[in-house]
Amino acid sequence: MGTSKRQSKKYKPPLKIWEKARIDRDIQLRKKYGFKNKKELWKVESRLRNVRKQARELVGLKALNKGDEEEKAFIRKLNSLGLVSENATVDDVLDLNIENFLDRRLQTFVVKRGMARSIRESRQLITHRHIEVNGKIIDTPSYLVERNEEDKIVFSKKSPVASPEHPIRMRNKSE
């Protein structure tokens, strides 16, 4: 049978809740990237924190003349996500910021490709299952688009929005 296990959080909230500079930055990011709530932003920050932690550990291994294969695999993974270039180093990984991750979200790509007029509309299209990536319907706006999937973002074939005569598509073309 097994036991029902409570899932652990995938984020840590900020330590200082009422820090004005952080609140202002969060408001700007929320407007620009269309988050539903702050928890989504905290999840991305945690992911960035984990990537930077791995990079620092690799720097420590490199000081001991170990970890070359791990570093290559790490850079290859980040390259496939489109966060760094092929010939990047661990120092380049440490230079990543939160906007690098936010630019790789499906919600952002739908707007950039002109499939939606606004970031909010792109979120709605994704959650209503009108968008597919590489032949699979994705209904998670925070899905990180890999480099080889960038040109495979299309309207779902089963969706009524797939028709070029759909009012949303007509409205997007006229602007």
C-alpha atoms as a PDB file:
ATOM      1  CA  MET A   1       0.000   0.000   0.000  1.00  0.00           C
ATOM      2  CA  GLY A   2       2.325   2.718   1.189  1.00  0.00           C
ATOM      3  CA  THR A   3       1.801   5.805   3.243  1.00  0.00           C
ATOM      4  CA  SER A   4       0.521   9.128   2.109  1.00  0.00           C
ATOM      5  CA  LYS A   5       3.452  11.438   2.330  1.00  0.00           C
ATOM      6  CA  ARG A   6       3.062  15.161   2.507  1.00  0.00           C
ATOM      7  CA  GLN A   7       5.012  16.845  -0.217  1.00  0.00           C
ATOM      8  CA  SER A   8       7.689  19.277   0.862  1.00  0.00           C
ATOM      9  CA  LYS A   9       7.768  22.867  -0.310  1.00  0.00           C
ATOM     10  CA  LYS A  10       9.763  23.673  -3.405  1.00  0.00           C
ATOM     11  CA  TYR A  11      10.594  27.165  -2.230  1.00  0.00           C
ATOM     12  CA  LYS A  12      11.599  29.263   0.737  1.00  0.00           C
ATOM     13  CA  PRO A  13       9.813  32.532   1.421  1.00  0.00           C
ATOM     14  CA  PRO A  14      11.980  35.608   1.996  1.00  0.00           C
ATOM     15  CA  LEU A  15      13.468  35.993   5.455  1.00  0.00           C
ATOM     16  CA  LYS A  16      12.644  39.691   5.665  1.00  0.00           C
ATOM     17  CA  ILE A  17       8.981  40.012   4.799  1.00  0.00           C
ATOM     18  CA  TRP A  18       8.755  43.818   4.782  1.00  0.00           C
ATOM     19  CA  GLU A  19      11.938  44.728   2.923  1.00  0.00           C
ATOM     20  CA  LYS A  20      10.977  47.627   0.634  1.00  0.00           C
ATOM     21  CA  ALA A  21      13.589  47.026  -2.084  1.00  0.00           C
ATOM     22  CA  ARG A  22      12.586  43.358  -2.444  1.00  0.00           C
ATOM     23  CA  ILE A  23       8.881  44.201  -2.475  1.00  0.00           C
ATOM     24  CA  ASP A  24       9.378  46.786  -5.225  1.00  0.00           C
ATOM     25  CA  ARG A  25      11.454  44.330  -7.280  1.00  0.00           C
ATOM     26  CA  ASP A  26       8.788  41.626  -6.815  1.00  0.00           C
ATOM     27  CA  ILE A  27       6.049  43.998  -7.974  1.00  0.00           C
ATOM     28  CA  GLN A  28       8.017  44.863 -11.133  1.00  0.00           C
ATOM     29  CA  LEU A  29       8.737  41.204 -11.892  1.00  0.00           C
ATOM     30  CA  ARG A  30       5.108  40.269 -11.278  1.00  0.00           C
ATOM     31  CA  LYS A  31       3.926  42.892 -13.772  1.00  0.00           C
ATOM     32  CA  LYS A  32       6.521  41.963 -16.380  1.00  0.00           C
ATOM     33  CA  TYR A  33       6.189  38.164 -16.152  1.00  0.00           C
ATOM     34  CA  GLY A  34       2.544  37.774 -15.062  1.00  0.00           C
ATOM     35  CA  PHE A  35       2.767  35.663 -11.915  1.00  0.00           C
ATOM     36  CA  LYS A  36      -0.385  34.444 -10.269  1.00  0.00           C
ATOM     37  CA  ASN A  37       1.140  34.877  -6.811  1.00  0.00           C
ATOM     38  CA  LYS A  38       4.445  35.420  -5.051  1.00  0.00           C
ATOM     39  CA  LYS A  39       4.911  31.699  -4.508  1.00  0.00           C
ATOM     40  CA  GLU A  40       5.730  31.273  -8.212  1.00  0.00           C
ATOM     41  CA  LEU A  41       8.473  33.870  -7.923  1.00  0.00           C
ATOM     42  CA  TRP A  42       9.850  32.193  -4.810  1.00  0.00           C
ATOM     43  CA  LYS A  43      10.012  28.861  -6.645  1.00  0.00           C
ATOM     44  CA  VAL A  44      12.094  30.405  -9.421  1.00  0.00           C
ATOM     45  CA  GLU A  45      14.359  32.072  -6.859  1.00  0.00           C
ATOM     46  CA  SER A  46      14.851  28.707  -5.156  1.00  0.00           C
ATOM     47  CA  ARG A  47      15.748  27.089  -8.459  1.00  0.00           C
ATOM     48  CA  LEU A  48      18.300  29.829  -9.142  1.00  0.00           C
ATOM     49  CA  ARG A  49      19.668  29.403  -5.620  1.00  0.00           C
ATOM     50  CA  ASN A  50      20.095  25.651  -6.188  1.00  0.00           C
ATOM     51  CA  VAL A  51      21.872  26.145  -9.525  1.00  0.00           C
ATOM     52  CA  ARG A  52      24.248  28.664  -7.997  1.00  0.00           C
ATOM     53  CA  LYS A  53      24.888  26.301  -5.067  1.00  0.00           C
ATOM     54  CA  GLN A  54      25.814  23.500  -7.480  1.00  0.00           C
ATOM     55  CA  ALA A  55      28.145  25.884  -9.315  1.00  0.00           C
ATOM     56  CA  ARG A  56      29.890  26.867  -6.065  1.00  0.00           C
ATOM     57  CA  GLU A  57      30.345  23.188  -5.193  1.00  0.00           C
ATOM     58  CA  LEU A  58      31.895  22.597  -8.622  1.00  0.00           C
ATOM     59  CA  VAL A  59      34.296  25.490  -8.035  1.00  0.00           C
ATOM     60  CA  GLY A  60      35.347  23.782  -4.807  1.00  0.00           C
ATOM     61  CA  LEU A  61      35.887  20.474  -6.611  1.00  0.00           C
ATOM     62  CA  LYS A  62      37.869  22.226  -9.325  1.00  0.00           C
ATOM     63  CA  ALA A  63      40.197  23.618  -6.670  1.00  0.00           C
ATOM     64  CA  LEU A  64      40.915  20.002  -5.698  1.00  0.00           C
ATOM     65  CA  ASN A  65      41.475  19.051  -9.381  1.00  0.00           C
ATOM     66  CA  LYS A  66      38.284  16.981  -9.423  1.00  0.00           C
ATOM     67  CA  GLY A  67      34.851  17.321 -10.976  1.00  0.00           C
ATOM     68  CA  ASP A  68      35.684  18.025 -14.628  1.00  0.00           C
ATOM     69  CA  GLU A  69      33.078  15.579 -15.918  1.00  0.00           C
ATOM     70  CA  GLU A  70      30.465  16.878 -13.480  1.00  0.00           C
ATOM     71  CA  GLU A  71      31.158  20.425 -14.610  1.00  0.00           C
ATOM     72  CA  LYS A  72      30.763  19.490 -18.284  1.00  0.00           C
ATOM     73  CA  ALA A  73      27.473  17.694 -17.580  1.00  0.00           C
ATOM     74  CA  PHE A  74      26.238  20.652 -15.512  1.00  0.00           C
ATOM     75  CA  ILE A  75      27.080  23.167 -18.260  1.00  0.00           C
ATOM     76  CA  ARG A  76      25.510  20.853 -20.878  1.00  0.00           C
ATOM     77  CA  LYS A  77      22.260  20.703 -18.877  1.00  0.00           C
ATOM     78  CA  LEU A  78      22.120  24.487 -18.454  1.00  0.00           C
ATOM     79  CA  ASN A  79      22.937  24.921 -22.143  1.00  0.00           C
ATOM     80  CA  SER A  80      20.021  22.675 -23.122  1.00  0.00           C
ATOM     81  CA  LEU A  81      17.778  24.874 -20.965  1.00  0.00           C
ATOM     82  CA  GLY A  82      19.129  27.909 -22.818  1.00  0.00           C
ATOM     83  CA  LEU A  83      20.584  29.563 -19.724  1.00  0.00           C
ATOM     84  CA  VAL A  84      24.267  29.563 -20.768  1.00  0.00           C
ATOM     85  CA  SER A  85      26.233  29.083 -23.981  1.00  0.00           C
ATOM     86  CA  GLU A  86      28.069  25.897 -24.940  1.00  0.00           C
ATOM     87  CA  ASN A  87      31.492  27.209 -24.000  1.00  0.00           C
ATOM     88  CA  ALA A  88      30.363  28.722 -20.688  1.00  0.00           C
ATOM     89  CA  THR A  89      32.262  28.279 -17.451  1.00  0.00           C
ATOM     90  CA  VAL A  90      31.118  27.889 -13.885  1.00  0.00           C
ATOM     91  CA  ASP A  91      31.750  31.624 -13.404  1.00  0.00           C
ATOM     92  CA  ASP A  92      29.152  32.323 -16.095  1.00  0.00           C
ATOM     93  CA  VAL A  93      26.685  30.183 -14.168  1.00  0.00           C
ATOM     94  CA  LEU A  94      27.329  32.259 -11.049  1.00  0.00           C
ATOM     95  CA  ASP A  95      26.450  35.377 -13.072  1.00  0.00           C
ATOM     96  CA  LEU A  96      22.918  34.096 -13.794  1.00  0.00           C
ATOM     97  CA  ASN A  97      20.063  36.104 -12.350  1.00  0.00           C
ATOM     98  CA  ILE A  98      16.357  35.519 -11.865  1.00  0.00           C
ATOM     99  CA  GLU A  99      15.390  37.146 -15.157  1.00  0.00           C
ATOM    100  CA  ASN A 100      17.432  34.555 -17.079  1.00  0.00           C
ATOM    101  CA  PHE A 101      15.130  31.876 -15.673  1.00  0.00           C
ATOM    102  CA  LEU A 102      11.964  33.941 -16.099  1.00  0.00           C
ATOM    103  CA  ASP A 103      12.748  34.524 -19.779  1.00  0.00           C
ATOM    104  CA  ARG A 104      12.780  30.745 -20.332  1.00  0.00           C
ATOM    105  CA  ARG A 105       9.211  30.203 -19.070  1.00  0.00           C
ATOM    106  CA  LEU A 106       6.542  29.060 -21.522  1.00  0.00           C
ATOM    107  CA  GLN A 107       4.337  31.992 -20.546  1.00  0.00           C
ATOM    108  CA  THR A 108       7.030  34.416 -21.710  1.00  0.00           C
ATOM    109  CA  PHE A 109       7.689  32.523 -24.956  1.00  0.00           C
ATOM    110  CA  VAL A 110       4.008  32.582 -25.945  1.00  0.00           C
ATOM    111  CA  VAL A 111       4.024  36.385 -25.734  1.00  0.00           C
ATOM    112  CA  LYS A 112       7.382  36.722 -27.527  1.00  0.00           C
ATOM    113  CA  ARG A 113       6.178  34.564 -30.418  1.00  0.00           C
ATOM    114  CA  GLY A 114       3.074  36.729 -30.853  1.00  0.00           C
ATOM    115  CA  MET A 115       0.603  34.010 -29.950  1.00  0.00           C
ATOM    116  CA  ALA A 116      -0.883  36.244 -27.233  1.00  0.00           C
ATOM    117  CA  ARG A 117      -1.200  39.999 -26.843  1.00  0.00           C
ATOM    118  CA  SER A 118      -0.271  40.140 -23.179  1.00  0.00           C
ATOM    119  CA  ILE A 119       1.426  38.075 -20.531  1.00  0.00           C
ATOM    120  CA  ARG A 120      -1.950  37.501 -18.837  1.00  0.00           C
ATOM    121  CA  GLU A 121      -3.526  36.266 -22.055  1.00  0.00           C
ATOM    122  CA  SER A 122      -0.638  33.874 -22.585  1.00  0.00           C
ATOM    123  CA  ARG A 123      -1.180  32.469 -19.094  1.00  0.00           C
ATOM    124  CA  GLN A 124      -4.849  31.922 -19.869  1.00  0.00           C
ATOM    125  CA  LEU A 125      -4.101  30.175 -23.169  1.00  0.00           C
ATOM    126  CA  ILE A 126      -1.651  27.854 -21.442  1.00  0.00           C
ATOM    127  CA  THR A 127      -3.850  26.960 -18.470  1.00  0.00           C
ATOM    128  CA  HIS A 128      -6.828  26.353 -20.768  1.00  0.00           C
ATOM    129  CA  ARG A 129      -4.700  23.831 -22.691  1.00  0.00           C
ATOM    130  CA  HIS A 130      -4.506  25.698 -26.010  1.00  0.00           C
ATOM    131  CA  ILE A 131      -0.692  25.510 -26.292  1.00  0.00           C
ATOM    132  CA  GLU A 132       1.469  22.495 -27.050  1.00  0.00           C
ATOM    133  CA  VAL A 133       5.225  22.111 -26.985  1.00  0.00           C
ATOM    134  CA  ASN A 134       6.882  19.426 -29.071  1.00  0.00           C
ATOM    135  CA  GLY A 135       3.551  17.674 -29.618  1.00  0.00           C
ATOM    136  CA  LYS A 136       2.514  17.634 -25.938  1.00  0.00           C
ATOM    137  CA  ILE A 137      -0.110  19.885 -24.402  1.00  0.00           C
ATOM    138  CA  ILE A 138       1.469  21.863 -21.584  1.00  0.00           C
ATOM    139  CA  ASP A 139      -0.837  23.520 -19.068  1.00  0.00           C
ATOM    140  CA  THR A 140       1.841  24.879 -16.735  1.00  0.00           C
ATOM    141  CA  PRO A 141       2.853  28.506 -17.409  1.00  0.00           C
ATOM    142  CA  SER A 142       6.089  28.034 -15.458  1.00  0.00           C
ATOM    143  CA  TYR A 143       7.306  25.226 -17.744  1.00  0.00           C
ATOM    144  CA  LEU A 144      10.949  25.908 -18.659  1.00  0.00           C
ATOM    145  CA  VAL A 145      11.340  25.726 -22.436  1.00  0.00           C
ATOM    146  CA  GLU A 146      14.471  23.963 -23.590  1.00  0.00           C
ATOM    147  CA  ARG A 147      16.579  25.337 -26.421  1.00  0.00           C
ATOM    148  CA  ASN A 148      15.496  22.616 -28.874  1.00  0.00           C
ATOM    149  CA  GLU A 149      11.795  23.217 -28.078  1.00  0.00           C
ATOM    150  CA  GLU A 150      11.732  26.947 -28.796  1.00  0.00           C
ATOM    151  CA  ASP A 151      10.479  26.585 -32.367  1.00  0.00           C
ATOM    152  CA  LYS A 152       8.032  23.794 -31.482  1.00  0.00           C
ATOM    153  CA  ILE A 153       5.589  25.961 -29.522  1.00  0.00           C
ATOM    154  CA  VAL A 154       2.271  25.952 -31.391  1.00  0.00           C
ATOM    155  CA  PHE A 155      -1.453  26.051 -30.766  1.00  0.00           C
ATOM    156  CA  SER A 156      -2.877  22.635 -29.925  1.00  0.00           C
ATOM    157  CA  LYS A 157      -4.507  20.845 -32.839  1.00  0.00           C
ATOM    158  CA  LYS A 158      -7.535  19.980 -30.674  1.00  0.00           C
ATOM    159  CA  SER A 159      -7.997  23.596 -29.579  1.00  0.00           C
ATOM    160  CA  PRO A 160     -10.504  25.906 -31.268  1.00  0.00           C
ATOM    161  CA  VAL A 161      -7.802  28.606 -31.131  1.00  0.00           C
ATOM    162  CA  ALA A 162      -5.782  26.599 -33.675  1.00  0.00           C
ATOM    163  CA  SER A 163      -8.060  27.910 -36.434  1.00  0.00           C
ATOM    164  CA  PRO A 164      -6.625  31.055 -38.073  1.00  0.00           C
ATOM    165  CA  GLU A 165     -10.157  32.534 -38.143  1.00  0.00           C
ATOM    166  CA  HIS A 166     -10.540  32.349 -34.362  1.00  0.00           C
ATOM    167  CA  PRO A 167     -11.273  35.816 -32.854  1.00  0.00           C
ATOM    168  CA  ILE A 168      -8.176  35.745 -30.630  1.00  0.00           C
ATOM    169  CA  ARG A 169      -5.924  34.979 -33.592  1.00  0.00           C
ATOM    170  CA  MET A 170      -7.578  37.647 -35.747  1.00  0.00           C
ATOM    171  CA  ARG A 171      -7.211  40.214 -32.972  1.00  0.00           C
ATOM    172  CA  ASN A 172      -3.511  39.377 -32.505  1.00  0.00           C
ATOM    173  CA  LYS A 173      -2.807  39.707 -36.253  1.00  0.00           C
ATOM    174  CA  SER A 174      -4.451  43.102 -36.540  1.00  0.00           C
ATOM    175  CA  GLU A 175      -2.198  44.650 -33.901  1.00  0.00           C
END
